Amino acid sequence: MRGRNDQLQSEVADVKRKEAEMDRILVKNANRIKSLEERLHDAEEQAIEASRRVAKQLVRDRLAITHGDQYSYSGIRPMHSTSLFNLTALKPPVIPLTTMTDSIEHFSDEK
């Protein structure tokens, strides 16, 4: 009888220990979830703000196309803007044709 009592008490202690460990894991995971939710909220706010900036830039670019460049550039924005309608900054440099043809080998017409 005494042996069975000791065994049951040992099992109860194990269950309590495992329960405490599970509680710690649950708290840890709940904190992680809360942190991830906060990061998600921050990312959503940043995406909304970026979307607003892009929409405003698109309106400025449309106005620049239809009404002239005074809408495209403010005093704050640099003249080398890479807006959607001003992609000249992304074009590769133009190589003069003379330098390209100088390196081409020509075959003679002699047969």
PDB file of N, CA and C in Angstrom:
ATOM      1  N   MET A   1       0.809  -1.179   0.000  1.00  0.00           N
ATOM      2  CA  MET A   1       0.000   0.000   0.000  1.00  0.00           C
ATOM      3  C   MET A   1       0.869   1.266   0.000  1.00  0.00           C
ATOM      4  N   ARG A   2       1.902   1.209   0.829  1.00  0.00           N
ATOM      5  CA  ARG A   2       2.802   2.359   0.929  1.00  0.00           C
ATOM      6  C   ARG A   2       3.517   2.594  -0.390  1.00  0.00           C
ATOM      7  N   GLY A   3       3.944   1.540  -1.064  1.00  0.00           N
ATOM      8  CA  GLY A   3       4.625   1.639  -2.355  1.00  0.00           C
ATOM      9  C   GLY A   3       3.731   2.272  -3.411  1.00  0.00           C
ATOM     10  N   ARG A   4       2.468   1.873  -3.391  1.00  0.00           N
ATOM     11  CA  ARG A   4       1.513   2.430  -4.371  1.00  0.00           C
ATOM     12  C   ARG A   4       1.289   3.915  -4.105  1.00  0.00           C
ATOM     13  N   ASN A   5       1.222   4.289  -2.836  1.00  0.00           N
ATOM     14  CA  ASN A   5       1.051   5.690  -2.456  1.00  0.00           C
ATOM     15  C   ASN A   5       2.239   6.529  -2.935  1.00  0.00           C
ATOM     16  N   ASP A   6       3.459   6.020  -2.731  1.00  0.00           N
ATOM     17  CA  ASP A   6       4.662   6.721  -3.193  1.00  0.00           C
ATOM     18  C   ASP A   6       4.663   6.871  -4.713  1.00  0.00           C
ATOM     19  N   GLN A   7       4.242   5.810  -5.413  1.00  0.00           N
ATOM     20  CA  GLN A   7       4.190   5.843  -6.872  1.00  0.00           C
ATOM     21  C   GLN A   7       3.198   6.909  -7.345  1.00  0.00           C
ATOM     22  N   LEU A   8       2.018   6.944  -6.731  1.00  0.00           N
ATOM     23  CA  LEU A   8       1.004   7.932  -7.120  1.00  0.00           C
ATOM     24  C   LEU A   8       1.467   9.359  -6.813  1.00  0.00           C
ATOM     25  N   GLN A   9       2.116   9.554  -5.683  1.00  0.00           N
ATOM     26  CA  GLN A   9       2.632  10.880  -5.345  1.00  0.00           C
ATOM     27  C   GLN A   9       3.710  11.313  -6.343  1.00  0.00           C
ATOM     28  N   SER A  10       4.536  10.373  -6.757  1.00  0.00           N
ATOM     29  CA  SER A  10       5.571  10.651  -7.753  1.00  0.00           C
ATOM     30  C   SER A  10       4.941  11.042  -9.089  1.00  0.00           C
ATOM     31  N   GLU A  11       3.878  10.307  -9.470  1.00  0.00           N
ATOM     32  CA  GLU A  11       3.189  10.625 -10.722  1.00  0.00           C
ATOM     33  C   GLU A  11       2.514  11.999 -10.649  1.00  0.00           C
ATOM     34  N   VAL A  12       1.926  12.316  -9.499  1.00  0.00           N
ATOM     35  CA  VAL A  12       1.297  13.633  -9.314  1.00  0.00           C
ATOM     36  C   VAL A  12       2.361  14.732  -9.428  1.00  0.00           C
ATOM     37  N   ALA A  13       3.525  14.513  -8.827  1.00  0.00           N
ATOM     38  CA  ALA A  13       4.608  15.497  -8.901  1.00  0.00           C
ATOM     39  C   ALA A  13       5.067  15.675 -10.352  1.00  0.00           C
ATOM     40  N   ASP A  14       5.177  14.561 -11.104  1.00  0.00           N
ATOM     41  CA  ASP A  14       5.554  14.638 -12.519  1.00  0.00           C
ATOM     42  C   ASP A  14       4.523  15.432 -13.326  1.00  0.00           C
ATOM     43  N   VAL A  15       3.258  15.164 -13.069  1.00  0.00           N
ATOM     44  CA  VAL A  15       2.190  15.871 -13.786  1.00  0.00           C
ATOM     45  C   VAL A  15       2.259  17.368 -13.477  1.00  0.00           C
ATOM     46  N   LYS A  16       2.473  17.715 -12.200  1.00  0.00           N
ATOM     47  CA  LYS A  16       2.563  19.125 -11.825  1.00  0.00           C
ATOM     48  C   LYS A  16       3.775  19.795 -12.488  1.00  0.00           C
ATOM     49  N   ARG A  17       4.899  19.066 -12.532  1.00  0.00           N
ATOM     50  CA  ARG A  17       6.107  19.601 -13.164  1.00  0.00           C
ATOM     51  C   ARG A  17       5.870  19.829 -14.653  1.00  0.00           C
ATOM     52  N   LYS A  18       5.250  18.838 -15.319  1.00  0.00           N
ATOM     53  CA  LYS A  18       4.953  18.972 -16.749  1.00  0.00           C
ATOM     54  C   LYS A  18       3.939  20.089 -16.997  1.00  0.00           C
ATOM     55  N   GLU A  19       2.984  20.221 -16.106  1.00  0.00           N
ATOM     56  CA  GLU A  19       1.980  21.279 -16.227  1.00  0.00           C
ATOM     57  C   GLU A  19       2.640  22.656 -16.107  1.00  0.00           C
ATOM     58  N   ALA A  20       3.572  22.782 -15.156  1.00  0.00           N
ATOM     59  CA  ALA A  20       4.288  24.052 -14.995  1.00  0.00           C
ATOM     60  C   ALA A  20       5.125  24.357 -16.240  1.00  0.00           C
ATOM     61  N   GLU A  21       5.762  23.324 -16.786  1.00  0.00           N
ATOM     62  CA  GLU A  21       6.554  23.501 -18.012  1.00  0.00           C
ATOM     63  C   GLU A  21       5.654  23.928 -19.171  1.00  0.00           C
ATOM     64  N   MET A  22       4.489  23.308 -19.298  1.00  0.00           N
ATOM     65  CA  MET A  22       3.533  23.673 -20.353  1.00  0.00           C
ATOM     66  C   MET A  22       3.051  25.115 -20.177  1.00  0.00           C
ATOM     67  N   ASP A  23       2.821  25.521 -18.927  1.00  0.00           N
ATOM     68  CA  ASP A  23       2.417  26.907 -18.664  1.00  0.00           C
ATOM     69  C   ASP A  23       3.508  27.885 -19.110  1.00  0.00           C
ATOM     70  N   ARG A  24       4.779  27.555 -18.812  1.00  0.00           N
ATOM     71  CA  ARG A  24       5.888  28.412 -19.246  1.00  0.00           C
ATOM     72  C   ARG A  24       5.945  28.487 -20.771  1.00  0.00           C
ATOM     73  N   ILE A  25       5.773  27.347 -21.425  1.00  0.00           N
ATOM     74  CA  ILE A  25       5.787  27.317 -22.895  1.00  0.00           C
ATOM     75  C   ILE A  25       4.632  28.140 -23.465  1.00  0.00           C
ATOM     76  N   LEU A  26       3.444  27.994 -22.859  1.00  0.00           N
ATOM     77  CA  LEU A  26       2.282  28.764 -23.322  1.00  0.00           C
ATOM     78  C   LEU A  26       2.513  30.268 -23.176  1.00  0.00           C
ATOM     79  N   VAL A  27       3.067  30.686 -22.037  1.00  0.00           N
ATOM     80  CA  VAL A  27       3.340  32.109 -21.822  1.00  0.00           C
ATOM     81  C   VAL A  27       4.370  32.606 -22.836  1.00  0.00           C
ATOM     82  N   LYS A  28       5.416  31.802 -23.034  1.00  0.00           N
ATOM     83  CA  LYS A  28       6.461  32.172 -23.991  1.00  0.00           C
ATOM     84  C   LYS A  28       5.879  32.310 -25.399  1.00  0.00           C
ATOM     85  N   ASN A  29       5.058  31.344 -25.810  1.00  0.00           N
ATOM     86  CA  ASN A  29       4.453  31.398 -27.141  1.00  0.00           C
ATOM     87  C   ASN A  29       3.443  32.537 -27.262  1.00  0.00           C
ATOM     88  N   ALA A  30       2.704  32.799 -26.199  1.00  0.00           N
ATOM     89  CA  ALA A  30       1.758  33.924 -26.219  1.00  0.00           C
ATOM     90  C   ALA A  30       2.508  35.239 -26.398  1.00  0.00           C
ATOM     91  N   ASN A  31       3.645  35.374 -25.726  1.00  0.00           N
ATOM     92  CA  ASN A  31       4.457  36.583 -25.887  1.00  0.00           C
ATOM     93  C   ASN A  31       5.008  36.692 -27.307  1.00  0.00           C
ATOM     94  N   ARG A  32       5.433  35.563 -27.862  1.00  0.00           N
ATOM     95  CA  ARG A  32       5.916  35.570 -29.249  1.00  0.00           C
ATOM     96  C   ARG A  32       4.807  35.974 -30.213  1.00  0.00           C
ATOM     97  N   ILE A  33       3.623  35.434 -30.007  1.00  0.00           N
ATOM     98  CA  ILE A  33       2.482  35.765 -30.872  1.00  0.00           C
ATOM     99  C   ILE A  33       2.170  37.254 -30.769  1.00  0.00           C
ATOM    100  N   LYS A  34       2.169  37.774 -29.549  1.00  0.00           N
ATOM    101  CA  LYS A  34       1.898  39.200 -29.354  1.00  0.00           C
ATOM    102  C   LYS A  34       2.946  40.045 -30.075  1.00  0.00           C
ATOM    103  N   SER A  35       4.204  39.658 -29.959  1.00  0.00           N
ATOM    104  CA  SER A  35       5.282  40.379 -30.638  1.00  0.00           C
ATOM    105  C   SER A  35       5.116  40.321 -32.157  1.00  0.00           C
ATOM    106  N   LEU A  36       4.778  39.137 -32.669  1.00  0.00           N
ATOM    107  CA  LEU A  36       4.565  38.998 -34.113  1.00  0.00           C
ATOM    108  C   LEU A  36       3.373  39.820 -34.587  1.00  0.00           C
ATOM    109  N   GLU A  37       2.316  39.868 -33.780  1.00  0.00           N
ATOM    110  CA  GLU A  37       1.152  40.684 -34.139  1.00  0.00           C
ATOM    111  C   GLU A  37       1.517  42.163 -34.179  1.00  0.00           C
ATOM    112  N   GLU A  38       2.341  42.607 -33.235  1.00  0.00           N
ATOM    113  CA  GLU A  38       2.781  44.001 -33.233  1.00  0.00           C
ATOM    114  C   GLU A  38       3.634  44.304 -34.459  1.00  0.00           C
ATOM    115  N   ARG A  39       4.538  43.387 -34.796  1.00  0.00           N
ATOM    116  CA  ARG A  39       5.367  43.580 -35.988  1.00  0.00           C
ATOM    117  C   ARG A  39       4.519  43.593 -37.249  1.00  0.00           C
ATOM    118  N   LEU A  40       3.516  42.719 -37.301  1.00  0.00           N
ATOM    119  CA  LEU A  40       2.607  42.691 -38.444  1.00  0.00           C
ATOM    120  C   LEU A  40       1.856  44.011 -38.561  1.00  0.00           C
ATOM    121  N   HIS A  41       1.372  44.511 -37.435  1.00  0.00           N
ATOM    122  CA  HIS A  41       0.658  45.790 -37.438  1.00  0.00           C
ATOM    123  C   HIS A  41       1.574  46.912 -37.941  1.00  0.00           C
ATOM    124  N   ASP A  42       2.820  46.936 -37.455  1.00  0.00           N
ATOM    125  CA  ASP A  42       3.777  47.951 -37.904  1.00  0.00           C
ATOM    126  C   ASP A  42       4.039  47.831 -39.403  1.00  0.00           C
ATOM    127  N   ALA A  43       4.200  46.606 -39.890  1.00  0.00           N
ATOM    128  CA  ALA A  43       4.438  46.394 -41.319  1.00  0.00           C
ATOM    129  C   ALA A  43       3.234  46.827 -42.146  1.00  0.00           C
ATOM    130  N   GLU A  44       2.032  46.559 -41.643  1.00  0.00           N
ATOM    131  CA  GLU A  44       0.826  46.999 -42.350  1.00  0.00           C
ATOM    132  C   GLU A  44       0.766  48.516 -42.416  1.00  0.00           C
ATOM    133  N   GLU A  45       1.097  49.182 -41.312  1.00  0.00           N
ATOM    134  CA  GLU A  45       1.101  50.650 -41.298  1.00  0.00           C
ATOM    135  C   GLU A  45       2.124  51.197 -42.286  1.00  0.00           C
ATOM    136  N   GLN A  46       3.308  50.585 -42.336  1.00  0.00           N
ATOM    137  CA  GLN A  46       4.335  51.022 -43.282  1.00  0.00           C
ATOM    138  C   GLN A  46       3.878  50.806 -44.716  1.00  0.00           C
ATOM    139  N   ALA A  47       3.218  49.692 -44.979  1.00  0.00           N
ATOM    140  CA  ALA A  47       2.725  49.409 -46.328  1.00  0.00           C
ATOM    141  C   ALA A  47       1.650  50.408 -46.733  1.00  0.00           C
ATOM    142  N   ILE A  48       0.773  50.746 -45.804  1.00  0.00           N
ATOM    143  CA  ILE A  48      -0.269  51.736 -46.094  1.00  0.00           C
ATOM    144  C   ILE A  48       0.369  53.086 -46.416  1.00  0.00           C
ATOM    145  N   GLU A  49       1.342  53.487 -45.621  1.00  0.00           N
ATOM    146  CA  GLU A  49       2.010  54.768 -45.857  1.00  0.00           C
ATOM    147  C   GLU A  49       2.762  54.753 -47.188  1.00  0.00           C
ATOM    148  N   ALA A  50       3.434  53.661 -47.496  1.00  0.00           N
ATOM    149  CA  ALA A  50       4.135  53.557 -48.781  1.00  0.00           C
ATOM    150  C   ALA A  50       3.150  53.612 -49.936  1.00  0.00           C
ATOM    151  N   SER A  51       2.021  52.968 -49.781  1.00  0.00           N
ATOM    152  CA  SER A  51       0.988  52.997 -50.815  1.00  0.00           C
ATOM    153  C   SER A  51       0.478  54.420 -51.028  1.00  0.00           C
ATOM    154  N   ARG A  52       0.290  55.154 -49.948  1.00  0.00           N
ATOM    155  CA  ARG A  52      -0.139  56.558 -50.062  1.00  0.00           C
ATOM    156  C   ARG A  52       0.900  57.392 -50.800  1.00  0.00           C
ATOM    157  N   ARG A  53       2.186  57.180 -50.452  1.00  0.00           N
ATOM    158  CA  ARG A  53       3.246  57.941 -51.126  1.00  0.00           C
ATOM    159  C   ARG A  53       3.279  57.631 -52.612  1.00  0.00           C
ATOM    160  N   VAL A  54       3.148  56.353 -52.962  1.00  0.00           N
ATOM    161  CA  VAL A  54       3.155  55.962 -54.375  1.00  0.00           C
ATOM    162  C   VAL A  54       1.957  56.557 -55.093  1.00  0.00           C
ATOM    163  N   ALA A  55       0.791  56.534 -54.464  1.00  0.00           N
ATOM    164  CA  ALA A  55      -0.406  57.105 -55.090  1.00  0.00           C
ATOM    165  C   ALA A  55      -0.227  58.602 -55.325  1.00  0.00           C
ATOM    166  N   LYS A  56       0.317  59.309 -54.342  1.00  0.00           N
ATOM    167  CA  LYS A  56       0.565  60.742 -54.515  1.00  0.00           C
ATOM    168  C   LYS A  56       1.559  60.991 -55.640  1.00  0.00           C
ATOM    169  N   GLN A  57       2.608  60.162 -55.712  1.00  0.00           N
ATOM    170  CA  GLN A  57       3.603  60.324 -56.772  1.00  0.00           C
ATOM    171  C   GLN A  57       2.983  60.057 -58.135  1.00  0.00           C
ATOM    172  N   LEU A  58       2.117  59.059 -58.228  1.00  0.00           N
ATOM    173  CA  LEU A  58       1.449  58.779 -59.500  1.00  0.00           C
ATOM    174  C   LEU A  58       0.580  59.953 -59.930  1.00  0.00           C
ATOM    175  N   VAL A  59      -0.108  60.575 -58.983  1.00  0.00           N
ATOM    176  CA  VAL A  59      -0.918  61.753 -59.313  1.00  0.00           C
ATOM    177  C   VAL A  59      -0.019  62.875 -59.811  1.00  0.00           C
ATOM    178  N   ARG A  60       1.102  63.123 -59.124  1.00  0.00           N
ATOM    179  CA  ARG A  60       2.037  64.164 -59.574  1.00  0.00           C
ATOM    180  C   ARG A  60       2.557  63.860 -60.966  1.00  0.00           C
ATOM    181  N   ASP A  61       2.897  62.591 -61.213  1.00  0.00           N
ATOM    182  CA  ASP A  61       3.417  62.223 -62.530  1.00  0.00           C
ATOM    183  C   ASP A  61       2.358  62.386 -63.614  1.00  0.00           C
ATOM    184  N   ARG A  62       1.113  62.014 -63.314  1.00  0.00           N
ATOM    185  CA  ARG A  62       0.036  62.212 -64.295  1.00  0.00           C
ATOM    186  C   ARG A  62      -0.162  63.692 -64.590  1.00  0.00           C
ATOM    187  N   LEU A  63      -0.139  64.502 -63.540  1.00  0.00           N
ATOM    188  CA  LEU A  63      -0.264  65.945 -63.740  1.00  0.00           C
ATOM    189  C   LEU A  63       0.908  66.492 -64.543  1.00  0.00           C
ATOM    190  N   ALA A  64       2.105  65.966 -64.299  1.00  0.00           N
ATOM    191  CA  ALA A  64       3.278  66.415 -65.044  1.00  0.00           C
ATOM    192  C   ALA A  64       3.139  66.078 -66.519  1.00  0.00           C
ATOM    193  N   ILE A  65       2.578  64.915 -66.826  1.00  0.00           N
ATOM    194  CA  ILE A  65       2.399  64.520 -68.223  1.00  0.00           C
ATOM    195  C   ILE A  65       1.359  65.406 -68.897  1.00  0.00           C
ATOM    196  N   THR A  66       0.274  65.669 -68.206  1.00  0.00           N
ATOM    197  CA  THR A  66      -0.822  66.419 -68.832  1.00  0.00           C
ATOM    198  C   THR A  66      -0.681  67.926 -68.702  1.00  0.00           C
ATOM    199  N   HIS A  67       0.008  68.431 -67.670  1.00  0.00           N
ATOM    200  CA  HIS A  67       0.058  69.875 -67.431  1.00  0.00           C
ATOM    201  C   HIS A  67       1.473  70.440 -67.391  1.00  0.00           C
ATOM    202  N   GLY A  68       2.452  69.656 -67.603  1.00  0.00           N
ATOM    203  CA  GLY A  68       3.816  70.166 -67.577  1.00  0.00           C
ATOM    204  C   GLY A  68       4.569  69.740 -66.337  1.00  0.00           C
ATOM    205  N   ASP A  69       5.875  69.993 -66.377  1.00  0.00           N
ATOM    206  CA  ASP A  69       6.778  69.489 -65.341  1.00  0.00           C
ATOM    207  C   ASP A  69       6.683  70.194 -63.998  1.00  0.00           C
ATOM    208  N   GLN A  70       5.965  71.321 -63.892  1.00  0.00           N
ATOM    209  CA  GLN A  70       5.913  71.988 -62.587  1.00  0.00           C
ATOM    210  C   GLN A  70       5.289  71.105 -61.522  1.00  0.00           C
ATOM    211  N   TYR A  71       4.495  70.092 -61.906  1.00  0.00           N
ATOM    212  CA  TYR A  71       3.896  69.184 -60.924  1.00  0.00           C
ATOM    213  C   TYR A  71       4.813  68.016 -60.588  1.00  0.00           C
ATOM    214  N   SER A  72       5.750  67.740 -61.466  1.00  0.00           N
ATOM    215  CA  SER A  72       6.586  66.559 -61.283  1.00  0.00           C
ATOM    216  C   SER A  72       7.656  66.768 -60.224  1.00  0.00           C
ATOM    217  N   TYR A  73       8.222  67.970 -60.169  1.00  0.00           N
ATOM    218  CA  TYR A  73       9.344  68.199 -59.270  1.00  0.00           C
ATOM    219  C   TYR A  73       9.026  69.318 -58.295  1.00  0.00           C
ATOM    220  N   SER A  74       9.180  69.048 -57.049  1.00  0.00           N
ATOM    221  CA  SER A  74       9.064  70.098 -56.044  1.00  0.00           C
ATOM    222  C   SER A  74      10.472  70.573 -55.741  1.00  0.00           C
ATOM    223  N   GLY A  75      10.583  71.586 -54.918  1.00  0.00           N
ATOM    224  CA  GLY A  75      11.905  72.070 -54.546  1.00  0.00           C
ATOM    225  C   GLY A  75      12.666  71.062 -53.719  1.00  0.00           C
ATOM    226  N   ILE A  76      11.964  70.120 -53.131  1.00  0.00           N
ATOM    227  CA  ILE A  76      12.595  69.122 -52.262  1.00  0.00           C
ATOM    228  C   ILE A  76      13.163  67.968 -53.077  1.00  0.00           C
ATOM    229  N   ARG A  77      12.455  67.588 -54.134  1.00  0.00           N
ATOM    230  CA  ARG A  77      12.854  66.398 -54.895  1.00  0.00           C
ATOM    231  C   ARG A  77      14.023  66.710 -55.814  1.00  0.00           C
ATOM    232  N   PRO A  78      14.983  65.834 -55.947  1.00  0.00           N
ATOM    233  CA  PRO A  78      16.109  66.058 -56.850  1.00  0.00           C
ATOM    234  C   PRO A  78      15.672  65.933 -58.308  1.00  0.00           C
ATOM    235  N   MET A  79      16.451  66.542 -59.192  1.00  0.00           N
ATOM    236  CA  MET A  79      16.115  66.518 -60.613  1.00  0.00           C
ATOM    237  C   MET A  79      16.346  65.141 -61.234  1.00  0.00           C
ATOM    238  N   HIS A  80      17.048  64.269 -60.575  1.00  0.00           N
ATOM    239  CA  HIS A  80      17.280  62.923 -61.109  1.00  0.00           C
ATOM    240  C   HIS A  80      16.284  61.923 -60.526  1.00  0.00           C
ATOM    241  N   SER A  81      15.068  62.375 -60.356  1.00  0.00           N
ATOM    242  CA  SER A  81      14.021  61.528 -59.783  1.00  0.00           C
ATOM    243  C   SER A  81      13.810  60.277 -60.630  1.00  0.00           C
ATOM    244  N   THR A  82      13.507  59.175 -59.975  1.00  0.00           N
ATOM    245  CA  THR A  82      13.207  57.934 -60.695  1.00  0.00           C
ATOM    246  C   THR A  82      11.757  57.573 -60.490  1.00  0.00           C
ATOM    247  N   SER A  83      10.879  58.529 -60.736  1.00  0.00           N
ATOM    248  CA  SER A  83       9.456  58.223 -60.649  1.00  0.00           C
ATOM    249  C   SER A  83       9.089  57.294 -61.798  1.00  0.00           C
ATOM    250  N   LEU A  84       7.863  56.814 -61.807  1.00  0.00           N
ATOM    251  CA  LEU A  84       7.456  55.844 -62.816  1.00  0.00           C
ATOM    252  C   LEU A  84       7.506  56.401 -64.224  1.00  0.00           C
ATOM    253  N   PHE A  85       7.351  57.739 -64.381  1.00  0.00           N
ATOM    254  CA  PHE A  85       7.355  58.325 -65.708  1.00  0.00           C
ATOM    255  C   PHE A  85       8.661  59.027 -66.031  1.00  0.00           C
ATOM    256  N   ASN A  86       9.618  58.957 -65.169  1.00  0.00           N
ATOM    257  CA  ASN A  86      10.911  59.574 -65.404  1.00  0.00           C
ATOM    258  C   ASN A  86      11.983  58.539 -65.117  1.00  0.00           C
ATOM    259  N   LEU A  87      12.104  57.585 -65.985  1.00  0.00           N
ATOM    260  CA  LEU A  87      13.030  56.474 -65.754  1.00  0.00           C
ATOM    261  C   LEU A  87      14.342  56.662 -66.504  1.00  0.00           C
ATOM    262  N   THR A  88      14.670  57.889 -66.910  1.00  0.00           N
ATOM    263  CA  THR A  88      15.916  58.118 -67.631  1.00  0.00           C
ATOM    264  C   THR A  88      17.125  57.756 -66.783  1.00  0.00           C
ATOM    265  N   ALA A  89      16.998  57.850 -65.488  1.00  0.00           N
ATOM    266  CA  ALA A  89      18.117  57.494 -64.613  1.00  0.00           C
ATOM    267  C   ALA A  89      18.421  56.003 -64.676  1.00  0.00           C
ATOM    268  N   LEU A  90      17.476  55.202 -65.139  1.00  0.00           N
ATOM    269  CA  LEU A  90      17.680  53.755 -65.193  1.00  0.00           C
ATOM    270  C   LEU A  90      18.152  53.273 -66.560  1.00  0.00           C
ATOM    271  N   LYS A  91      18.184  54.169 -67.567  1.00  0.00           N
ATOM    272  CA  LYS A  91      18.603  53.756 -68.910  1.00  0.00           C
ATOM    273  C   LYS A  91      20.117  53.584 -68.943  1.00  0.00           C
ATOM    274  N   PRO A  92      20.603  52.604 -69.697  1.00  0.00           N
ATOM    275  CA  PRO A  92      22.052  52.443 -69.816  1.00  0.00           C
ATOM    276  C   PRO A  92      22.628  53.575 -70.658  1.00  0.00           C
ATOM    277  N   PRO A  93      23.893  53.913 -70.483  1.00  0.00           N
ATOM    278  CA  PRO A  93      24.490  54.973 -71.285  1.00  0.00           C
ATOM    279  C   PRO A  93      24.519  54.581 -72.758  1.00  0.00           C
ATOM    280  N   VAL A  94      24.356  55.574 -73.612  1.00  0.00           N
ATOM    281  CA  VAL A  94      24.347  55.332 -75.056  1.00  0.00           C
ATOM    282  C   VAL A  94      25.779  55.326 -75.550  1.00  0.00           C
ATOM    283  N   ILE A  95      26.153  54.294 -76.276  1.00  0.00           N
ATOM    284  CA  ILE A  95      27.489  54.178 -76.846  1.00  0.00           C
ATOM    285  C   ILE A  95      27.427  54.702 -78.274  1.00  0.00           C
ATOM    286  N   PRO A  96      28.289  55.644 -78.645  1.00  0.00           N
ATOM    287  CA  PRO A  96      28.259  56.155 -80.023  1.00  0.00           C
ATOM    288  C   PRO A  96      28.489  55.029 -81.020  1.00  0.00           C
ATOM    289  N   LEU A  97      27.830  55.125 -82.155  1.00  0.00           N
ATOM    290  CA  LEU A  97      27.917  54.070 -83.160  1.00  0.00           C
ATOM    291  C   LEU A  97      29.322  53.915 -83.714  1.00  0.00           C
ATOM    292  N   THR A  98      30.097  54.976 -83.795  1.00  0.00           N
ATOM    293  CA  THR A  98      31.443  54.868 -84.362  1.00  0.00           C
ATOM    294  C   THR A  98      32.324  53.958 -83.526  1.00  0.00           C
ATOM    295  N   THR A  99      32.194  54.007 -82.238  1.00  0.00           N
ATOM    296  CA  THR A  99      33.031  53.139 -81.408  1.00  0.00           C
ATOM    297  C   THR A  99      32.590  51.687 -81.515  1.00  0.00           C
ATOM    298  N   MET A 100      31.300  51.476 -81.760  1.00  0.00           N
ATOM    299  CA  MET A 100      30.828  50.104 -81.900  1.00  0.00           C
ATOM    300  C   MET A 100      31.298  49.501 -83.221  1.00  0.00           C
ATOM    301  N   THR A 101      31.281  50.269 -84.297  1.00  0.00           N
ATOM    302  CA  THR A 101      31.663  49.721 -85.603  1.00  0.00           C
ATOM    303  C   THR A 101      33.165  49.582 -85.730  1.00  0.00           C
ATOM    304  N   ASP A 102      33.939  50.351 -84.972  1.00  0.00           N
ATOM    305  CA  ASP A 102      35.393  50.232 -85.034  1.00  0.00           C
ATOM    306  C   ASP A 102      35.859  48.858 -84.576  1.00  0.00           C
ATOM    307  N   SER A 103      35.141  48.241 -83.700  1.00  0.00           N
ATOM    308  CA  SER A 103      35.575  46.957 -83.168  1.00  0.00           C
ATOM    309  C   SER A 103      35.031  45.771 -83.971  1.00  0.00           C
ATOM    310  N   ILE A 104      34.187  46.037 -84.969  1.00  0.00           N
ATOM    311  CA  ILE A 104      33.618  44.957 -85.774  1.00  0.00           C
ATOM    312  C   ILE A 104      34.572  44.628 -86.914  1.00  0.00           C
ATOM    313  N   GLU A 105      34.842  43.357 -87.095  1.00  0.00           N
ATOM    314  CA  GLU A 105      35.698  42.944 -88.205  1.00  0.00           C
ATOM    315  C   GLU A 105      34.870  42.880 -89.475  1.00  0.00           C
ATOM    316  N   HIS A 106      35.403  43.444 -90.552  1.00  0.00           N
ATOM    317  CA  HIS A 106      34.696  43.441 -91.833  1.00  0.00           C
ATOM    318  C   HIS A 106      35.392  42.465 -92.769  1.00  0.00           C
ATOM    319  N   PHE A 107      34.608  41.733 -93.506  1.00  0.00           N
ATOM    320  CA  PHE A 107      35.160  40.828 -94.500  1.00  0.00           C
ATOM    321  C   PHE A 107      35.256  41.569 -95.823  1.00  0.00           C
ATOM    322  N   SER A 108      36.289  41.284 -96.562  1.00  0.00           N
ATOM    323  CA  SER A 108      36.419  41.948 -97.858  1.00  0.00           C
ATOM    324  C   SER A 108      35.480  41.297 -98.857  1.00  0.00           C
ATOM    325  N   ASP A 109      35.110  42.064 -99.864  1.00  0.00           N
ATOM    326  CA  ASP A 109      34.198  41.566-100.889  1.00  0.00           C
ATOM    327  C   ASP A 109      34.932  40.762-101.956  1.00  0.00           C
ATOM    328  N   GLU A 110      36.228  40.623-101.828  1.00  0.00           N
ATOM    329  CA  GLU A 110      37.005  39.891-102.835  1.00  0.00           C
ATOM    330  C   GLU A 110      36.711  38.404-102.761  1.00  0.00           C
ATOM    331  N   LYS A 111      36.590  37.805-103.979  1.00  0.00           N
ATOM    332  CA  LYS A 111      36.371  36.368-104.018  1.00  0.00           C
ATOM    333  C   LYS A 111      37.387  35.706-104.875  1.00  0.00           C
TER     334      LYS A 111
END
